[in-house]
Amino acid sequence: MEGQENFEHIKERFITADLDDKVKIYTSVQGLSVDQYKELLKYFPIKHLVTLEKAMS
């Protein structure tokens, strides 16, 4: 399952990334399912969600 392996790689990068890189990864990765985006959000610091929201608008 190549897509799942790719997502696991993205998730590992996301978990270890600093805040700026988390935002870049989240806003630039394409082709993820809603559930995969939700999975990444579990590893995003909740107090910085405004930063992510601004980057997405």
N, C-alpha and C. Protein backbone atom coordinates (compact mmCIF):
# COMPACT_ATOMS: atom_id res chain seq x y z
N MET A 1 0.84 -1.18 0.00
CA MET A 1 0.00 0.00 0.00
C MET A 1 0.88 1.24 0.00
N GLU A 2 1.23 1.69 -1.16
CA GLU A 2 2.18 2.79 -1.31
C GLU A 2 1.68 4.09 -0.69
N GLY A 3 0.41 4.41 -0.86
CA GLY A 3 -0.13 5.64 -0.30
C GLY A 3 0.00 5.70 1.21
N GLN A 4 -0.25 4.59 1.88
CA GLN A 4 -0.15 4.54 3.34
C GLN A 4 1.30 4.69 3.78
N GLU A 5 2.23 4.06 3.06
CA GLU A 5 3.65 4.20 3.39
C GLU A 5 4.08 5.65 3.22
N ASN A 6 3.62 6.30 2.17
CA ASN A 6 3.94 7.70 1.94
C ASN A 6 3.38 8.55 3.07
N PHE A 7 2.16 8.27 3.50
CA PHE A 7 1.57 9.03 4.59
C PHE A 7 2.37 8.84 5.88
N GLU A 8 2.80 7.62 6.15
CA GLU A 8 3.60 7.36 7.36
C GLU A 8 4.89 8.18 7.34
N HIS A 9 5.50 8.29 6.18
CA HIS A 9 6.71 9.10 6.04
C HIS A 9 6.39 10.58 6.31
N ILE A 10 5.31 11.06 5.73
CA ILE A 10 4.88 12.44 5.96
C ILE A 10 4.60 12.66 7.43
N LYS A 11 3.91 11.71 8.06
CA LYS A 11 3.57 11.84 9.48
C LYS A 11 4.82 11.91 10.35
N GLU A 12 5.80 11.07 10.05
CA GLU A 12 7.05 11.09 10.83
C GLU A 12 7.76 12.44 10.68
N ARG A 13 7.80 12.96 9.45
CA ARG A 13 8.41 14.29 9.23
C ARG A 13 7.63 15.35 9.99
N PHE A 14 6.31 15.25 9.97
CA PHE A 14 5.46 16.22 10.63
C PHE A 14 5.68 16.22 12.14
N ILE A 15 5.75 15.04 12.72
CA ILE A 15 5.92 14.91 14.17
C ILE A 15 7.23 15.55 14.63
N THR A 16 8.29 15.38 13.87
CA THR A 16 9.60 15.89 14.28
C THR A 16 9.87 17.32 13.83
N ALA A 17 8.99 17.88 13.01
CA ALA A 17 9.21 19.23 12.47
C ALA A 17 8.95 20.30 13.53
N ASP A 18 9.60 21.46 13.34
CA ASP A 18 9.27 22.59 14.20
C ASP A 18 7.96 23.21 13.70
N LEU A 19 7.49 24.22 14.39
CA LEU A 19 6.17 24.79 14.08
C LEU A 19 6.08 25.27 12.63
N ASP A 20 7.07 26.02 12.18
CA ASP A 20 7.03 26.54 10.81
C ASP A 20 6.97 25.41 9.79
N ASP A 21 7.76 24.37 10.01
CA ASP A 21 7.76 23.25 9.07
C ASP A 21 6.46 22.45 9.14
N LYS A 22 5.87 22.35 10.33
CA LYS A 22 4.56 21.69 10.45
C LYS A 22 3.55 22.42 9.57
N VAL A 23 3.55 23.74 9.65
CA VAL A 23 2.61 24.53 8.85
C VAL A 23 2.89 24.32 7.36
N LYS A 24 4.16 24.34 6.96
CA LYS A 24 4.52 24.13 5.55
C LYS A 24 4.06 22.76 5.06
N ILE A 25 4.34 21.74 5.86
CA ILE A 25 3.95 20.38 5.47
C ILE A 25 2.43 20.28 5.35
N TYR A 26 1.72 20.76 6.37
CA TYR A 26 0.26 20.63 6.39
C TYR A 26 -0.38 21.35 5.21
N THR A 27 0.16 22.52 4.86
CA THR A 27 -0.47 23.32 3.80
C THR A 27 0.01 22.95 2.41
N SER A 28 1.09 22.18 2.30
CA SER A 28 1.62 21.88 0.96
C SER A 28 1.39 20.45 0.50
N VAL A 29 1.18 19.54 1.43
CA VAL A 29 0.96 18.13 1.05
C VAL A 29 -0.40 18.02 0.39
N GLN A 30 -0.43 17.29 -0.72
CA GLN A 30 -1.69 17.11 -1.45
C GLN A 30 -2.05 15.63 -1.52
N GLY A 31 -3.32 15.38 -1.70
CA GLY A 31 -3.78 14.02 -1.91
C GLY A 31 -4.05 13.22 -0.65
N LEU A 32 -4.05 13.89 0.51
CA LEU A 32 -4.37 13.18 1.74
C LEU A 32 -5.89 13.12 1.93
N SER A 33 -6.32 12.11 2.64
CA SER A 33 -7.74 12.02 2.96
C SER A 33 -8.03 12.92 4.17
N VAL A 34 -9.30 13.17 4.40
CA VAL A 34 -9.71 13.97 5.57
C VAL A 34 -9.17 13.32 6.84
N ASP A 35 -9.27 12.01 6.94
CA ASP A 35 -8.77 11.30 8.13
C ASP A 35 -7.26 11.48 8.30
N GLN A 36 -6.52 11.50 7.20
CA GLN A 36 -5.07 11.69 7.29
C GLN A 36 -4.75 13.10 7.76
N TYR A 37 -5.47 14.10 7.27
CA TYR A 37 -5.27 15.47 7.76
C TYR A 37 -5.59 15.55 9.26
N LYS A 38 -6.66 14.89 9.67
CA LYS A 38 -7.02 14.87 11.09
C LYS A 38 -5.93 14.20 11.92
N GLU A 39 -5.35 13.14 11.38
CA GLU A 39 -4.26 12.44 12.07
C GLU A 39 -3.08 13.39 12.28
N LEU A 40 -2.73 14.17 11.26
CA LEU A 40 -1.63 15.12 11.41
C LEU A 40 -1.95 16.17 12.48
N LEU A 41 -3.19 16.60 12.53
CA LEU A 41 -3.56 17.62 13.51
C LEU A 41 -3.35 17.15 14.95
N LYS A 42 -3.39 15.85 15.17
CA LYS A 42 -3.14 15.32 16.51
C LYS A 42 -1.74 15.69 17.00
N TYR A 43 -0.84 15.94 16.07
CA TYR A 43 0.55 16.24 16.41
C TYR A 43 0.87 17.72 16.26
N PHE A 44 -0.15 18.54 16.09
CA PHE A 44 0.05 19.98 15.96
C PHE A 44 -0.26 20.63 17.31
N PRO A 45 0.62 21.50 17.79
CA PRO A 45 0.36 22.14 19.10
C PRO A 45 -0.90 23.00 19.06
N ILE A 46 -1.86 22.63 19.87
CA ILE A 46 -3.18 23.27 19.84
C ILE A 46 -3.11 24.77 20.06
N LYS A 47 -2.17 25.23 20.84
CA LYS A 47 -2.08 26.67 21.12
C LYS A 47 -1.64 27.46 19.88
N HIS A 48 -1.18 26.78 18.85
CA HIS A 48 -0.72 27.45 17.63
C HIS A 48 -1.67 27.21 16.45
N LEU A 49 -2.87 26.74 16.71
CA LEU A 49 -3.81 26.48 15.61
C LEU A 49 -4.14 27.75 14.82
N VAL A 50 -4.13 28.91 15.48
CA VAL A 50 -4.40 30.16 14.77
C VAL A 50 -3.36 30.37 13.67
N THR A 51 -2.11 30.03 13.96
CA THR A 51 -1.04 30.16 12.96
C THR A 51 -1.36 29.30 11.74
N LEU A 52 -1.81 28.08 11.96
CA LEU A 52 -2.17 27.19 10.87
C LEU A 52 -3.37 27.72 10.11
N GLU A 53 -4.37 28.20 10.83
CA GLU A 53 -5.56 28.75 10.18
C GLU A 53 -5.20 29.92 9.27
N LYS A 54 -4.33 30.80 9.75
CA LYS A 54 -3.90 31.95 8.93
C LYS A 54 -3.18 31.49 7.67
N ALA A 55 -2.34 30.49 7.81
CA ALA A 55 -1.58 29.98 6.67
C ALA A 55 -2.49 29.35 5.63
N MET A 56 -3.61 28.82 6.07
CA MET A 56 -4.52 28.14 5.15
C MET A 56 -5.49 29.08 4.46
N SER A 57 -5.59 30.31 4.94
CA SER A 57 -6.56 31.21 4.32
C SER A 57 -5.95 32.13 3.29
